[in-house]
Amino acid sequence: VELAKTITNSKLVDIDLSGAKIPDYAGKELFLALSGSRIKSIMVSGCTLAANSAAAISSSLPTTQITKLVLSCTMSLESMQLFITALPQSKVEILSLTYGQINSERCKMLAEILPKTEITQLKLNNNSIGAKGAESLAQSLPDSKVQVLHVPNNSLGDIGFVAIARVLSKTKITDLDISENLISSVAFLELVEPLRSLPLVRVFLSSNELCDLGIEVLARAIISNHESKLKTFSVYNRHKTTAEGRKKANEILATRSSLRV
């Protein structure tokens, strides 16, 4: 509450409330005070945003200067709907909604408004969007401004991954994290053409079902892209890949690139 009283005239531009227990009445006052403040970045994690707090951040968001919003906290479906509805009227460019609050239904809601937002970085780490959520994103990503898409540990499976991979060429995405999503080596063949032709900068595929042969195929795709900008290519999986397999992939990459897996 004291922070809420001073925030409007403060020079603060960042607020980190990680791990803070936010009573609903205090959250309401704090988030309403964001309107008209200089705050550009806010992080709230490890708590539950009750109805009044969630309504306050949703109603004030369109009138704030916030460009980075990290929410790793739980909200009811109704509160999430209010929040998502407010995004197109906001200045938010970096949105992180992590750790269990986004399922396929909520992901569909978010995907539907995504093309109407300023969001360039979308991070949905450690949720449960599943194949259906990934398919919803795939429909919206080509019309969005998203350049960074992180969806690790979301149970995408082959179907969800393929849906995203097949629209990559129509998007602005240069940074993709799909680690820990139960994706097979066969499904990863859908990434061959994007690696051959797109200006991807960072790709994270770790802890999926990618085997040594799959890594080799992707490595050959990378070196065939003479204009490749790839700086990070992470494929490690201690159960499926071997040191020998990674060594062979690195030998392939070394023929035309300083990149290593």
C-alpha atoms as a PDB file:
ATOM      1  CA  VAL A   1       0.000   0.000   0.000  1.00  0.00           C
ATOM      2  CA  GLU A   2       2.857   2.375   0.824  1.00  0.00           C
ATOM      3  CA  LEU A   3       4.440   1.629  -2.550  1.00  0.00           C
ATOM      4  CA  ALA A   4       1.131   2.414  -4.236  1.00  0.00           C
ATOM      5  CA  LYS A   5       1.035   5.824  -2.521  1.00  0.00           C
ATOM      6  CA  THR A   6       4.440   6.855  -3.836  1.00  0.00           C
ATOM      7  CA  ILE A   7       4.578   5.170  -7.233  1.00  0.00           C
ATOM      8  CA  THR A   8       2.818   7.863  -9.252  1.00  0.00           C
ATOM      9  CA  ASN A   9       5.422  10.539  -8.548  1.00  0.00           C
ATOM     10  CA  SER A  10       8.345   8.138  -8.272  1.00  0.00           C
ATOM     11  CA  LYS A  11      11.231   7.790 -10.726  1.00  0.00           C
ATOM     12  CA  LEU A  12      10.935   4.013 -10.530  1.00  0.00           C
ATOM     13  CA  VAL A  13      10.780   2.282 -13.905  1.00  0.00           C
ATOM     14  CA  ASP A  14      10.953  -1.370 -12.753  1.00  0.00           C
ATOM     15  CA  ILE A  15       9.044  -3.256 -10.072  1.00  0.00           C
ATOM     16  CA  ASP A  16       9.932  -6.811  -9.045  1.00  0.00           C
ATOM     17  CA  LEU A  17       7.418  -8.433  -6.719  1.00  0.00           C
ATOM     18  CA  SER A  18       8.809 -11.954  -7.043  1.00  0.00           C
ATOM     19  CA  GLY A  19       7.781 -14.080  -4.088  1.00  0.00           C
ATOM     20  CA  ALA A  20       5.769 -11.302  -2.478  1.00  0.00           C
ATOM     21  CA  LYS A  21       2.468 -12.144  -0.843  1.00  0.00           C
ATOM     22  CA  ILE A  22       0.071  -9.557  -2.181  1.00  0.00           C
ATOM     23  CA  PRO A  23      -3.205  -9.126  -0.257  1.00  0.00           C
ATOM     24  CA  ASP A  24      -6.053  -8.390  -2.624  1.00  0.00           C
ATOM     25  CA  TYR A  25      -6.719  -4.897  -1.246  1.00  0.00           C
ATOM     26  CA  ALA A  26      -3.018  -3.967  -1.531  1.00  0.00           C
ATOM     27  CA  GLY A  27      -2.723  -5.407  -5.024  1.00  0.00           C
ATOM     28  CA  LYS A  28      -5.697  -3.390  -6.154  1.00  0.00           C
ATOM     29  CA  GLU A  29      -4.185  -0.141  -4.866  1.00  0.00           C
ATOM     30  CA  LEU A  30      -0.759  -0.918  -6.317  1.00  0.00           C
ATOM     31  CA  PHE A  31      -1.935  -1.876  -9.789  1.00  0.00           C
ATOM     32  CA  LEU A  32      -4.324   1.042 -10.081  1.00  0.00           C
ATOM     33  CA  ALA A  33      -1.407   3.340  -9.196  1.00  0.00           C
ATOM     34  CA  LEU A  34       0.500   2.091 -12.254  1.00  0.00           C
ATOM     35  CA  SER A  35      -1.689   4.266 -14.426  1.00  0.00           C
ATOM     36  CA  GLY A  36       0.165   7.518 -15.041  1.00  0.00           C
ATOM     37  CA  SER A  37       3.406   6.232 -13.470  1.00  0.00           C
ATOM     38  CA  ARG A  38       6.819   5.813 -15.135  1.00  0.00           C
ATOM     39  CA  ILE A  39       6.876   2.058 -14.614  1.00  0.00           C
ATOM     40  CA  LYS A  40       7.913   0.208 -17.764  1.00  0.00           C
ATOM     41  CA  SER A  41       8.588  -3.252 -16.370  1.00  0.00           C
ATOM     42  CA  ILE A  42       6.764  -5.273 -13.729  1.00  0.00           C
ATOM     43  CA  MET A  43       7.316  -8.808 -12.472  1.00  0.00           C
ATOM     44  CA  VAL A  44       4.868 -10.666 -10.266  1.00  0.00           C
ATOM     45  CA  SER A  45       5.580 -14.284  -9.365  1.00  0.00           C
ATOM     46  CA  GLY A  46       4.970 -16.958  -6.785  1.00  0.00           C
ATOM     47  CA  CYS A  47       1.532 -15.758  -5.724  1.00  0.00           C
ATOM     48  CA  THR A  48      -2.145 -15.739  -6.603  1.00  0.00           C
ATOM     49  CA  LEU A  49      -3.660 -12.610  -8.102  1.00  0.00           C
ATOM     50  CA  ALA A  50      -7.098 -12.410  -6.520  1.00  0.00           C
ATOM     51  CA  ALA A  51     -10.084 -10.900  -8.327  1.00  0.00           C
ATOM     52  CA  ASN A  52      -9.628  -7.239  -7.348  1.00  0.00           C
ATOM     53  CA  SER A  53      -5.870  -7.237  -8.009  1.00  0.00           C
ATOM     54  CA  ALA A  54      -6.305  -8.908 -11.391  1.00  0.00           C
ATOM     55  CA  ALA A  55      -9.101  -6.518 -12.347  1.00  0.00           C
ATOM     56  CA  ALA A  56      -6.952  -3.544 -11.340  1.00  0.00           C
ATOM     57  CA  ILE A  57      -3.943  -4.534 -13.440  1.00  0.00           C
ATOM     58  CA  SER A  58      -6.243  -5.232 -16.390  1.00  0.00           C
ATOM     59  CA  SER A  59      -8.079  -1.915 -16.162  1.00  0.00           C
ATOM     60  CA  SER A  60      -4.938   0.190 -15.672  1.00  0.00           C
ATOM     61  CA  LEU A  61      -2.739  -1.585 -18.243  1.00  0.00           C
ATOM     62  CA  PRO A  62      -3.945   0.429 -21.283  1.00  0.00           C
ATOM     63  CA  THR A  63      -3.002   3.698 -19.558  1.00  0.00           C
ATOM     64  CA  THR A  64       0.469   2.645 -18.355  1.00  0.00           C
ATOM     65  CA  GLN A  65       3.938   2.857 -19.919  1.00  0.00           C
ATOM     66  CA  ILE A  66       4.542  -0.853 -19.276  1.00  0.00           C
ATOM     67  CA  THR A  67       6.379  -2.615 -22.107  1.00  0.00           C
ATOM     68  CA  LYS A  68       7.555  -5.683 -20.160  1.00  0.00           C
ATOM     69  CA  LEU A  69       5.155  -7.761 -18.102  1.00  0.00           C
ATOM     70  CA  VAL A  70       6.124 -10.988 -16.339  1.00  0.00           C
ATOM     71  CA  LEU A  71       3.362 -12.856 -14.529  1.00  0.00           C
ATOM     72  CA  SER A  72       4.226 -16.176 -12.937  1.00  0.00           C
ATOM     73  CA  CYS A  73       1.171 -16.338 -10.739  1.00  0.00           C
ATOM     74  CA  THR A  74      -2.264 -17.893 -10.835  1.00  0.00           C
ATOM     75  CA  MET A  75      -5.441 -16.131 -11.963  1.00  0.00           C
ATOM     76  CA  SER A  76      -8.997 -17.311 -12.344  1.00  0.00           C
ATOM     77  CA  LEU A  77     -10.383 -17.830 -15.843  1.00  0.00           C
ATOM     78  CA  GLU A  78     -12.476 -14.676 -15.538  1.00  0.00           C
ATOM     79  CA  SER A  79      -9.464 -12.629 -14.416  1.00  0.00           C
ATOM     80  CA  MET A  80      -7.355 -14.032 -17.238  1.00  0.00           C
ATOM     81  CA  GLN A  81     -10.047 -13.067 -19.756  1.00  0.00           C
ATOM     82  CA  LEU A  82     -10.014  -9.484 -18.456  1.00  0.00           C
ATOM     83  CA  PHE A  83      -6.229  -9.362 -18.633  1.00  0.00           C
ATOM     84  CA  ILE A  84      -6.008 -10.734 -22.170  1.00  0.00           C
ATOM     85  CA  THR A  85      -8.713  -8.348 -23.366  1.00  0.00           C
ATOM     86  CA  ALA A  86      -6.642  -5.398 -22.106  1.00  0.00           C
ATOM     87  CA  LEU A  87      -3.473  -6.361 -23.999  1.00  0.00           C
ATOM     88  CA  PRO A  88      -4.384  -4.874 -27.424  1.00  0.00           C
ATOM     89  CA  GLN A  89      -4.807  -1.435 -25.834  1.00  0.00           C
ATOM     90  CA  SER A  90      -1.486  -1.662 -23.982  1.00  0.00           C
ATOM     91  CA  LYS A  91       2.140  -0.945 -24.881  1.00  0.00           C
ATOM     92  CA  VAL A  92       3.307  -4.394 -23.762  1.00  0.00           C
ATOM     93  CA  GLU A  93       6.024  -5.779 -26.051  1.00  0.00           C
ATOM     94  CA  ILE A  94       7.458  -8.503 -23.808  1.00  0.00           C
ATOM     95  CA  LEU A  95       4.904 -10.824 -22.224  1.00  0.00           C
ATOM     96  CA  SER A  96       5.821 -13.755 -20.016  1.00  0.00           C
ATOM     97  CA  LEU A  97       3.064 -15.961 -18.591  1.00  0.00           C
ATOM     98  CA  THR A  98       4.747 -18.946 -17.009  1.00  0.00           C
ATOM     99  CA  TYR A  99       4.357 -21.869 -14.650  1.00  0.00           C
ATOM    100  CA  GLY A 100       0.994 -23.469 -15.034  1.00  0.00           C
ATOM    101  CA  GLN A 101      -1.536 -20.758 -15.690  1.00  0.00           C
ATOM    102  CA  ILE A 102      -1.979 -21.197 -19.466  1.00  0.00           C
ATOM    103  CA  ASN A 103      -3.821 -24.257 -20.757  1.00  0.00           C
ATOM    104  CA  SER A 104      -5.103 -24.830 -24.290  1.00  0.00           C
ATOM    105  CA  GLU A 105      -8.285 -22.813 -23.667  1.00  0.00           C
ATOM    106  CA  ARG A 106      -6.446 -19.786 -22.308  1.00  0.00           C
ATOM    107  CA  CYS A 107      -3.821 -20.085 -25.027  1.00  0.00           C
ATOM    108  CA  LYS A 108      -6.579 -19.900 -27.645  1.00  0.00           C
ATOM    109  CA  MET A 109      -7.880 -16.706 -26.027  1.00  0.00           C
ATOM    110  CA  LEU A 110      -4.398 -15.210 -26.099  1.00  0.00           C
ATOM    111  CA  ALA A 111      -3.766 -16.313 -29.672  1.00  0.00           C
ATOM    112  CA  GLU A 112      -6.942 -14.649 -30.904  1.00  0.00           C
ATOM    113  CA  ILE A 113      -5.860 -11.194 -29.728  1.00  0.00           C
ATOM    114  CA  LEU A 114      -2.133 -11.608 -30.469  1.00  0.00           C
ATOM    115  CA  PRO A 115      -2.224  -9.955 -33.933  1.00  0.00           C
ATOM    116  CA  LYS A 116      -3.827  -6.870 -32.363  1.00  0.00           C
ATOM    117  CA  THR A 117      -1.024  -6.372 -29.826  1.00  0.00           C
ATOM    118  CA  GLU A 118       2.497  -4.901 -29.812  1.00  0.00           C
ATOM    119  CA  ILE A 119       3.942  -8.129 -28.407  1.00  0.00           C
ATOM    120  CA  THR A 120       7.311  -9.067 -29.929  1.00  0.00           C
ATOM    121  CA  GLN A 121       8.398 -11.535 -27.246  1.00  0.00           C
ATOM    122  CA  LEU A 122       5.974 -14.189 -26.027  1.00  0.00           C
ATOM    123  CA  LYS A 123       7.155 -16.571 -23.316  1.00  0.00           C
ATOM    124  CA  LEU A 124       4.811 -19.299 -22.111  1.00  0.00           C
ATOM    125  CA  ASN A 125       7.340 -21.515 -20.348  1.00  0.00           C
ATOM    126  CA  ASN A 126       6.174 -24.428 -18.214  1.00  0.00           C
ATOM    127  CA  ASN A 127       2.463 -24.388 -18.957  1.00  0.00           C
ATOM    128  CA  SER A 128       0.114 -26.932 -20.521  1.00  0.00           C
ATOM    129  CA  ILE A 129      -0.958 -25.425 -23.830  1.00  0.00           C
ATOM    130  CA  GLY A 130      -0.682 -28.818 -25.528  1.00  0.00           C
ATOM    131  CA  ALA A 131      -1.176 -29.505 -29.218  1.00  0.00           C
ATOM    132  CA  LYS A 132      -4.434 -27.552 -29.378  1.00  0.00           C
ATOM    133  CA  GLY A 133      -2.834 -24.449 -27.858  1.00  0.00           C
ATOM    134  CA  ALA A 134       0.084 -24.705 -30.290  1.00  0.00           C
ATOM    135  CA  GLU A 135      -2.332 -24.971 -33.200  1.00  0.00           C
ATOM    136  CA  SER A 136      -4.110 -21.820 -32.004  1.00  0.00           C
ATOM    137  CA  LEU A 137      -0.789 -19.972 -31.843  1.00  0.00           C
ATOM    138  CA  ALA A 138       0.172 -21.225 -35.302  1.00  0.00           C
ATOM    139  CA  GLN A 139      -2.949 -19.637 -36.760  1.00  0.00           C
ATOM    140  CA  SER A 140      -2.160 -16.229 -35.237  1.00  0.00           C
ATOM    141  CA  LEU A 141       1.633 -15.973 -35.348  1.00  0.00           C
ATOM    142  CA  PRO A 142       1.873 -15.036 -39.060  1.00  0.00           C
ATOM    143  CA  ASP A 143      -0.232 -11.931 -38.451  1.00  0.00           C
ATOM    144  CA  SER A 144       1.542 -10.963 -35.218  1.00  0.00           C
ATOM    145  CA  LYS A 145       4.719  -9.032 -34.398  1.00  0.00           C
ATOM    146  CA  VAL A 146       6.199 -11.919 -32.407  1.00  0.00           C
ATOM    147  CA  GLN A 147       9.938 -12.403 -32.953  1.00  0.00           C
ATOM    148  CA  VAL A 148      10.695 -14.447 -29.852  1.00  0.00           C
ATOM    149  CA  LEU A 149       8.539 -17.479 -29.050  1.00  0.00           C
ATOM    150  CA  HIS A 150       9.393 -19.597 -26.006  1.00  0.00           C
ATOM    151  CA  VAL A 151       7.094 -22.524 -25.246  1.00  0.00           C
ATOM    152  CA  PRO A 152       9.312 -25.073 -23.444  1.00  0.00           C
ATOM    153  CA  ASN A 153       7.683 -27.779 -21.327  1.00  0.00           C
ATOM    154  CA  ASN A 154       4.166 -27.440 -22.706  1.00  0.00           C
ATOM    155  CA  SER A 155       3.381 -30.974 -23.914  1.00  0.00           C
ATOM    156  CA  LEU A 156       3.187 -29.849 -27.555  1.00  0.00           C
ATOM    157  CA  GLY A 157       4.012 -33.277 -28.907  1.00  0.00           C
ATOM    158  CA  ASP A 158       4.557 -33.851 -32.605  1.00  0.00           C
ATOM    159  CA  ILE A 159       1.213 -32.372 -33.643  1.00  0.00           C
ATOM    160  CA  GLY A 160       1.733 -29.083 -31.798  1.00  0.00           C
ATOM    161  CA  PHE A 161       5.308 -28.703 -32.964  1.00  0.00           C
ATOM    162  CA  VAL A 162       4.504 -29.414 -36.599  1.00  0.00           C
ATOM    163  CA  ALA A 163       1.724 -26.809 -36.526  1.00  0.00           C
ATOM    164  CA  ILE A 164       4.219 -24.128 -35.432  1.00  0.00           C
ATOM    165  CA  ALA A 165       7.067 -25.336 -37.660  1.00  0.00           C
ATOM    166  CA  ARG A 166       4.916 -25.163 -40.776  1.00  0.00           C
ATOM    167  CA  VAL A 167       4.110 -21.453 -40.312  1.00  0.00           C
ATOM    168  CA  LEU A 168       7.601 -20.281 -39.316  1.00  0.00           C
ATOM    169  CA  SER A 169       8.334 -19.019 -42.820  1.00  0.00           C
ATOM    170  CA  LYS A 170       5.291 -16.739 -42.569  1.00  0.00           C
ATOM    171  CA  THR A 171       6.287 -15.243 -39.214  1.00  0.00           C
ATOM    172  CA  LYS A 172       8.913 -12.816 -37.893  1.00  0.00           C
ATOM    173  CA  ILE A 173      10.268 -15.374 -35.420  1.00  0.00           C
ATOM    174  CA  THR A 174      14.063 -15.511 -35.042  1.00  0.00           C
ATOM    175  CA  ASP A 175      14.261 -16.977 -31.519  1.00  0.00           C
ATOM    176  CA  LEU A 176      12.431 -20.268 -30.863  1.00  0.00           C
ATOM    177  CA  ASP A 177      12.456 -22.406 -27.722  1.00  0.00           C
ATOM    178  CA  ILE A 178      10.516 -25.665 -27.912  1.00  0.00           C
ATOM    179  CA  SER A 179      12.566 -27.671 -25.420  1.00  0.00           C
ATOM    180  CA  GLU A 180      10.968 -30.442 -23.333  1.00  0.00           C
ATOM    181  CA  ASN A 181       7.918 -31.032 -25.501  1.00  0.00           C
ATOM    182  CA  LEU A 182       7.985 -34.774 -26.286  1.00  0.00           C
ATOM    183  CA  ILE A 183       8.830 -34.122 -29.949  1.00  0.00           C
ATOM    184  CA  SER A 184      10.164 -37.007 -32.050  1.00  0.00           C
ATOM    185  CA  SER A 185      13.080 -36.997 -34.488  1.00  0.00           C
ATOM    186  CA  VAL A 186      10.636 -37.623 -37.339  1.00  0.00           C
ATOM    187  CA  ALA A 187       8.634 -34.499 -36.465  1.00  0.00           C
ATOM    188  CA  PHE A 188      11.829 -32.457 -36.372  1.00  0.00           C
ATOM    189  CA  LEU A 189      12.202 -33.014 -40.104  1.00  0.00           C
ATOM    190  CA  GLU A 190       9.697 -30.151 -40.375  1.00  0.00           C
ATOM    191  CA  LEU A 191      12.489 -27.884 -39.160  1.00  0.00           C
ATOM    192  CA  VAL A 192      14.833 -28.740 -42.030  1.00  0.00           C
ATOM    193  CA  GLU A 193      13.445 -26.191 -44.470  1.00  0.00           C
ATOM    194  CA  PRO A 194      13.234 -23.335 -41.909  1.00  0.00           C
ATOM    195  CA  LEU A 195      16.882 -23.959 -40.953  1.00  0.00           C
ATOM    196  CA  ARG A 196      17.860 -23.917 -44.623  1.00  0.00           C
ATOM    197  CA  SER A 197      16.100 -20.685 -45.481  1.00  0.00           C
ATOM    198  CA  LEU A 198      15.105 -18.536 -42.515  1.00  0.00           C
ATOM    199  CA  PRO A 199      17.173 -15.956 -40.545  1.00  0.00           C
ATOM    200  CA  LEU A 200      16.800 -17.816 -37.247  1.00  0.00           C
ATOM    201  CA  VAL A 201      19.193 -16.630 -34.529  1.00  0.00           C
ATOM    202  CA  ARG A 202      18.495 -18.917 -31.584  1.00  0.00           C
ATOM    203  CA  VAL A 203      16.852 -22.353 -31.580  1.00  0.00           C
ATOM    204  CA  PHE A 204      16.400 -24.507 -28.485  1.00  0.00           C
ATOM    205  CA  LEU A 205      15.345 -28.142 -29.008  1.00  0.00           C
ATOM    206  CA  SER A 206      16.819 -29.756 -25.887  1.00  0.00           C
ATOM    207  CA  SER A 207      15.202 -32.584 -23.933  1.00  0.00           C
ATOM    208  CA  ASN A 208      12.984 -33.846 -26.717  1.00  0.00           C
ATOM    209  CA  GLU A 209      13.255 -37.172 -28.560  1.00  0.00           C
ATOM    210  CA  LEU A 210      15.824 -35.955 -31.076  1.00  0.00           C
ATOM    211  CA  CYS A 211      18.367 -38.697 -31.821  1.00  0.00           C
ATOM    212  CA  ASP A 212      21.913 -38.528 -33.242  1.00  0.00           C
ATOM    213  CA  LEU A 213      20.721 -38.992 -36.823  1.00  0.00           C
ATOM    214  CA  GLY A 214      18.160 -36.238 -36.388  1.00  0.00           C
ATOM    215  CA  ILE A 215      20.827 -33.838 -35.132  1.00  0.00           C
ATOM    216  CA  GLU A 216      23.000 -34.693 -38.125  1.00  0.00           C
ATOM    217  CA  VAL A 217      20.154 -33.967 -40.559  1.00  0.00           C
ATOM    218  CA  LEU A 218      19.468 -30.597 -38.912  1.00  0.00           C
ATOM    219  CA  ALA A 219      23.186 -29.729 -38.888  1.00  0.00           C
ATOM    220  CA  ARG A 220      23.356 -30.329 -42.636  1.00  0.00           C
ATOM    221  CA  ALA A 221      20.311 -28.084 -43.093  1.00  0.00           C
ATOM    222  CA  ILE A 222      22.044 -25.302 -41.166  1.00  0.00           C
ATOM    223  CA  ILE A 223      25.218 -25.346 -43.266  1.00  0.00           C
ATOM    224  CA  SER A 224      23.163 -25.315 -46.466  1.00  0.00           C
ATOM    225  CA  ASN A 225      21.841 -21.886 -45.458  1.00  0.00           C
ATOM    226  CA  HIS A 226      24.625 -19.612 -46.725  1.00  0.00           C
ATOM    227  CA  GLU A 227      22.994 -16.601 -45.068  1.00  0.00           C
ATOM    228  CA  SER A 228      22.394 -18.332 -41.743  1.00  0.00           C
ATOM    229  CA  LYS A 229      22.458 -16.053 -38.684  1.00  0.00           C
ATOM    230  CA  LEU A 230      22.142 -18.873 -36.184  1.00  0.00           C
ATOM    231  CA  LYS A 231      24.146 -18.228 -33.007  1.00  0.00           C
ATOM    232  CA  THR A 232      22.601 -20.783 -30.651  1.00  0.00           C
ATOM    233  CA  PHE A 233      21.434 -24.288 -31.516  1.00  0.00           C
ATOM    234  CA  SER A 234      20.701 -26.363 -28.414  1.00  0.00           C
ATOM    235  CA  VAL A 235      19.787 -30.030 -28.902  1.00  0.00           C
ATOM    236  CA  TYR A 236      21.086 -31.846 -25.803  1.00  0.00           C
ATOM    237  CA  ASN A 237      19.179 -34.878 -24.534  1.00  0.00           C
ATOM    238  CA  ARG A 238      21.127 -37.244 -22.320  1.00  0.00           C
ATOM    239  CA  HIS A 239      18.736 -40.131 -23.046  1.00  0.00           C
ATOM    240  CA  LYS A 240      18.649 -39.858 -26.855  1.00  0.00           C
ATOM    241  CA  THR A 241      21.839 -38.159 -28.008  1.00  0.00           C
ATOM    242  CA  THR A 242      25.418 -39.314 -27.532  1.00  0.00           C
ATOM    243  CA  ALA A 243      28.743 -37.539 -27.324  1.00  0.00           C
ATOM    244  CA  GLU A 244      29.696 -39.222 -30.595  1.00  0.00           C
ATOM    245  CA  GLY A 245      26.530 -37.972 -32.284  1.00  0.00           C
ATOM    246  CA  ARG A 246      27.104 -34.404 -31.122  1.00  0.00           C
ATOM    247  CA  LYS A 247      30.755 -34.642 -32.237  1.00  0.00           C
ATOM    248  CA  LYS A 248      29.677 -35.664 -35.738  1.00  0.00           C
ATOM    249  CA  ALA A 249      27.159 -32.823 -35.900  1.00  0.00           C
ATOM    250  CA  ASN A 250      29.847 -30.371 -34.813  1.00  0.00           C
ATOM    251  CA  GLU A 251      32.199 -31.662 -37.517  1.00  0.00           C
ATOM    252  CA  ILE A 252      29.485 -30.985 -40.089  1.00  0.00           C
ATOM    253  CA  LEU A 253      28.853 -27.500 -38.712  1.00  0.00           C
ATOM    254  CA  ALA A 254      32.588 -26.738 -38.616  1.00  0.00           C
ATOM    255  CA  THR A 255      32.787 -26.912 -42.404  1.00  0.00           C
ATOM    256  CA  ARG A 256      30.936 -23.604 -42.725  1.00  0.00           C
ATOM    257  CA  SER A 257      30.100 -22.275 -39.282  1.00  0.00           C
ATOM    258  CA  SER A 258      31.513 -21.537 -35.832  1.00  0.00           C
ATOM    259  CA  LEU A 259      28.230 -22.805 -34.370  1.00  0.00           C
ATOM    260  CA  ARG A 260      28.377 -25.879 -32.128  1.00  0.00           C
ATOM    261  CA  VAL A 261      25.656 -28.008 -30.600  1.00  0.00           C
END
